[in-house]
């Protein structure tokens, strides 16, 4: 959780902590530039910030890269597919990460991102093997290469379950304080006004 709770969680929904958010120029800008009384666009943009920046969000817990995280956050927050974060949103993501600042969490997230590359490497090695074996016969040198690649994959296969178990423990540490925060909605009030702030509140 953030040192200052920019977002709170209730009934599997993101609820913004409005008094806190209004102390951050980047977040306040997102709210005040949306002139619609219900602040629907602003709350969608804040949901995007959460999914990109919070250590508990699925992209960060799953080690998504920047492109994957962006696509997921756009989809979950209800923004258009061509949405691009502008300066206030980029600043809000930075501010949120700064407030959440936790070296252990940051390292876990980076390890998760790195671990995702193992699957990519294994897939590429397998395709290389398939290409090398797609011939009537193997030369001595090619056979040695093939066998070395297979040995390499077998050696890595023994390590992957160990790494996976340790990363699962790390993910548990990320979630243990408040549970799984893979939430799809954001609200600015406890009232039943989905996707909006309190209509009587003037930002």
Protein backbone atom coordinates (compact mmCIF):
# COMPACT_ATOMS: atom_id res chain seq x y z
CA UNK A 1 0.00 0.00 0.00
CA UNK A 2 1.04 3.56 -0.55
CA UNK A 3 2.50 5.46 2.38
CA UNK A 4 -0.24 8.01 1.73
CA UNK A 5 -3.39 6.24 0.60
CA UNK A 6 -4.13 7.82 -2.75
CA UNK A 7 -6.50 4.95 -3.50
CA UNK A 8 -8.52 2.84 -1.08
CA UNK A 9 -10.21 -0.48 -1.81
CA UNK A 10 -13.75 -1.54 -0.99
CA UNK A 11 -15.93 -4.31 -2.42
CA UNK A 12 -13.40 -4.97 -5.20
CA UNK A 13 -13.58 -1.36 -6.36
CA UNK A 14 -11.00 1.43 -6.40
CA UNK A 15 -12.18 4.40 -4.37
CA UNK A 16 -10.16 7.57 -4.60
CA UNK A 17 -9.11 9.33 -1.44
CA UNK A 18 -10.26 12.75 -2.59
CA UNK A 19 -8.78 14.87 0.24
CA UNK A 20 -5.38 13.29 -0.41
CA UNK A 21 -5.60 13.40 -4.20
CA UNK A 22 -6.35 17.11 -4.16
CA UNK A 23 -3.01 17.73 -2.43
CA UNK A 24 -1.17 16.43 -5.52
CA UNK A 25 -1.11 18.91 -8.44
CA UNK A 26 -0.93 16.09 -11.00
CA UNK A 27 -4.04 14.32 -9.64
CA UNK A 28 -5.88 17.59 -9.03
CA UNK A 29 -5.24 18.58 -12.64
CA UNK A 30 -6.87 15.36 -13.87
CA UNK A 31 -9.97 16.10 -11.77
CA UNK A 32 -10.29 19.83 -12.42
CA UNK A 33 -9.82 19.69 -16.20
CA UNK A 34 -12.83 17.39 -16.50
CA UNK A 35 -15.66 19.93 -16.48
CA UNK A 36 -18.39 17.31 -16.46
CA UNK A 37 -20.07 17.24 -13.05
CA UNK A 38 -19.85 13.45 -12.77
CA UNK A 39 -16.12 13.40 -13.60
CA UNK A 40 -16.46 10.17 -15.60
CA UNK A 41 -13.42 10.84 -17.80
CA UNK A 42 -11.32 11.89 -14.81
CA UNK A 43 -12.13 8.71 -12.93
CA UNK A 44 -11.29 6.58 -15.94
CA UNK A 45 -7.94 8.33 -16.17
CA UNK A 46 -7.36 7.78 -12.45
CA UNK A 47 -8.18 4.10 -12.91
CA UNK A 48 -5.54 4.04 -15.65
CA UNK A 49 -3.02 5.55 -13.21
CA UNK A 50 -3.83 2.89 -10.65
CA UNK A 51 -3.41 -0.04 -13.05
CA UNK A 52 -0.10 1.37 -14.31
CA UNK A 53 1.42 2.40 -10.99
CA UNK A 54 0.10 0.36 -8.07
CA UNK A 55 2.23 -2.60 -7.00
CA UNK A 56 -0.96 -4.61 -6.39
CA UNK A 57 -2.36 -4.15 -9.91
CA UNK A 58 -2.36 -7.18 -12.18
CA UNK A 59 0.17 -5.73 -14.68
CA UNK A 60 2.72 -5.19 -11.91
CA UNK A 61 1.98 -8.47 -10.14
CA UNK A 62 2.33 -10.32 -13.45
CA UNK A 63 5.46 -8.55 -14.70
CA UNK A 64 3.85 -6.90 -17.73
CA UNK A 65 6.12 -4.70 -19.80
CA UNK A 66 5.15 -1.07 -20.49
CA UNK A 67 3.18 -1.85 -23.66
CA UNK A 68 1.26 -4.72 -22.06
CA UNK A 69 0.56 -2.63 -18.95
CA UNK A 70 -0.76 0.24 -21.06
CA UNK A 71 -3.07 -2.03 -23.06
CA UNK A 72 -4.42 -3.66 -19.91
CA UNK A 73 -4.92 -0.34 -18.09
CA UNK A 74 -6.75 1.19 -21.06
CA UNK A 75 -9.06 -1.81 -21.30
CA UNK A 76 -9.82 -2.00 -17.57
CA UNK A 77 -10.38 1.73 -17.14
CA UNK A 78 -12.81 2.04 -20.04
CA UNK A 79 -10.71 4.48 -22.06
CA UNK A 80 -10.64 4.44 -25.86
CA UNK A 81 -8.11 2.13 -27.53
CA UNK A 82 -6.22 5.10 -28.98
CA UNK A 83 -5.78 6.70 -25.56
CA UNK A 84 -2.29 8.04 -24.86
CA UNK A 85 -1.29 9.31 -21.40
CA UNK A 86 -0.56 13.04 -21.41
CA UNK A 87 1.69 15.03 -19.08
CA UNK A 88 -0.69 15.20 -16.06
CA UNK A 89 -1.29 11.45 -16.23
CA UNK A 90 2.41 10.68 -16.65
CA UNK A 91 3.13 12.94 -13.68
CA UNK A 92 0.39 11.25 -11.63
CA UNK A 93 1.90 7.83 -12.35
CA UNK A 94 5.29 9.13 -11.25
CA UNK A 95 3.86 10.75 -8.11
CA UNK A 96 1.95 7.61 -7.19
CA UNK A 97 5.05 5.43 -7.57
CA UNK A 98 7.04 7.93 -5.50
CA UNK A 99 4.45 7.85 -2.70
CA UNK A 100 4.27 4.07 -2.79
CA UNK A 101 8.08 3.94 -2.80
CA UNK A 102 9.20 0.61 -1.42
CA UNK A 103 12.50 -0.90 -2.53
CA UNK A 104 11.39 -4.47 -1.83
CA UNK A 105 8.20 -4.07 -3.88
CA UNK A 106 10.08 -2.35 -6.70
CA UNK A 107 12.58 -5.21 -6.84
CA UNK A 108 9.84 -7.84 -6.85
CA UNK A 109 8.09 -6.11 -9.74
CA UNK A 110 11.34 -5.94 -11.71
CA UNK A 111 12.00 -9.63 -11.04
CA UNK A 112 8.51 -10.51 -12.29
CA UNK A 113 9.13 -8.55 -15.49
CA UNK A 114 12.46 -10.33 -15.96
CA UNK A 115 10.94 -13.76 -15.30
CA UNK A 116 8.49 -13.25 -18.17
CA UNK A 117 11.46 -13.20 -20.55
CA UNK A 118 12.25 -16.82 -19.70
CA UNK A 119 9.18 -17.96 -21.61
CA UNK A 120 10.20 -15.83 -24.57
CA UNK A 121 13.72 -17.28 -24.59
CA UNK A 122 12.46 -20.88 -24.31
CA UNK A 123 10.07 -20.30 -27.21
CA UNK A 124 12.84 -18.87 -29.39
CA UNK A 125 15.19 -21.75 -28.56
CA UNK A 126 12.45 -24.24 -29.42
CA UNK A 127 11.87 -22.53 -32.77
CA UNK A 128 15.62 -22.61 -33.42
CA UNK A 129 15.63 -26.36 -32.70
CA UNK A 130 12.69 -26.92 -35.00
CA UNK A 131 14.48 -25.04 -37.77
CA UNK A 132 17.73 -26.97 -37.26
CA UNK A 133 15.90 -30.30 -37.24
CA UNK A 134 13.87 -29.55 -40.35
CA UNK A 135 16.51 -31.20 -42.57
CA UNK A 136 16.98 -34.77 -43.86
CA UNK A 137 20.21 -35.23 -41.87
CA UNK A 138 22.35 -33.42 -39.32
CA UNK A 139 26.04 -32.71 -39.65
CA UNK A 140 28.23 -33.42 -36.64
CA UNK A 141 28.45 -29.74 -35.76
CA UNK A 142 24.68 -29.27 -36.10
CA UNK A 143 24.00 -32.34 -33.95
CA UNK A 144 26.30 -30.96 -31.24
CA UNK A 145 24.46 -27.61 -31.37
CA UNK A 146 21.08 -29.31 -31.12
CA UNK A 147 22.12 -31.45 -28.18
CA UNK A 148 23.65 -28.48 -26.39
CA UNK A 149 20.47 -26.49 -26.81
CA UNK A 150 18.38 -29.38 -25.48
CA UNK A 151 20.71 -29.75 -22.49
CA UNK A 152 20.43 -26.01 -21.87
CA UNK A 153 16.63 -26.19 -21.88
CA UNK A 154 16.61 -29.20 -19.56
CA UNK A 155 18.93 -27.42 -17.13
CA UNK A 156 16.72 -24.33 -17.14
CA UNK A 157 13.59 -26.46 -16.77
CA UNK A 158 14.91 -27.72 -13.43
CA UNK A 159 15.36 -24.16 -12.19
CA UNK A 160 12.06 -22.70 -13.38
CA UNK A 161 9.85 -24.43 -10.76
CA UNK A 162 12.15 -23.22 -8.00
CA UNK A 163 12.09 -19.66 -9.29
CA UNK A 164 8.33 -19.85 -9.77
CA UNK A 165 7.78 -20.91 -6.15
CA UNK A 166 9.92 -18.06 -4.87
CA UNK A 167 8.16 -15.52 -7.07
CA UNK A 168 4.78 -16.78 -5.86
CA UNK A 169 5.95 -16.10 -2.32
CA UNK A 170 7.00 -12.62 -3.42
CA UNK A 171 3.61 -12.00 -5.02
CA UNK A 172 1.94 -13.08 -1.78
CA UNK A 173 4.01 -10.47 0.04
CA UNK A 174 2.66 -7.84 -2.36
CA UNK A 175 -0.93 -8.87 -1.68
CA UNK A 176 -0.90 -10.00 1.93
CA UNK A 177 -1.85 -6.65 3.45
CA UNK A 178 -5.07 -6.18 1.47
CA UNK A 179 -5.58 -9.18 -0.77
CA UNK A 180 -5.85 -9.31 -4.55
CA UNK A 181 -6.46 -5.84 -5.96
CA UNK A 182 -7.23 -6.79 -9.55
CA UNK A 183 -10.10 -4.35 -9.61
CA UNK A 184 -11.84 -3.06 -12.70
CA UNK A 185 -13.83 -0.12 -11.32
CA UNK A 186 -13.05 3.20 -9.75
CA UNK A 187 -15.27 5.46 -7.72
CA UNK A 188 -14.84 8.74 -5.95
CA UNK A 189 -17.46 8.26 -3.28
CA UNK A 190 -19.08 5.56 -1.18
CA UNK A 191 -22.45 6.58 -2.60
CA UNK A 192 -24.06 4.54 -5.35
CA UNK A 193 -22.82 6.70 -8.20
CA UNK A 194 -20.68 4.30 -10.31
CA UNK A 195 -17.70 5.84 -12.08
CA UNK A 196 -18.25 9.31 -10.70
CA UNK A 197 -17.51 11.70 -7.91
CA UNK A 198 -20.11 13.15 -5.60
CA UNK A 199 -22.18 15.37 -7.96
CA UNK A 200 -22.39 17.99 -5.21
CA UNK A 201 -18.62 18.27 -4.88
CA UNK A 202 -16.97 21.13 -6.71
CA UNK A 203 -13.45 20.39 -7.87
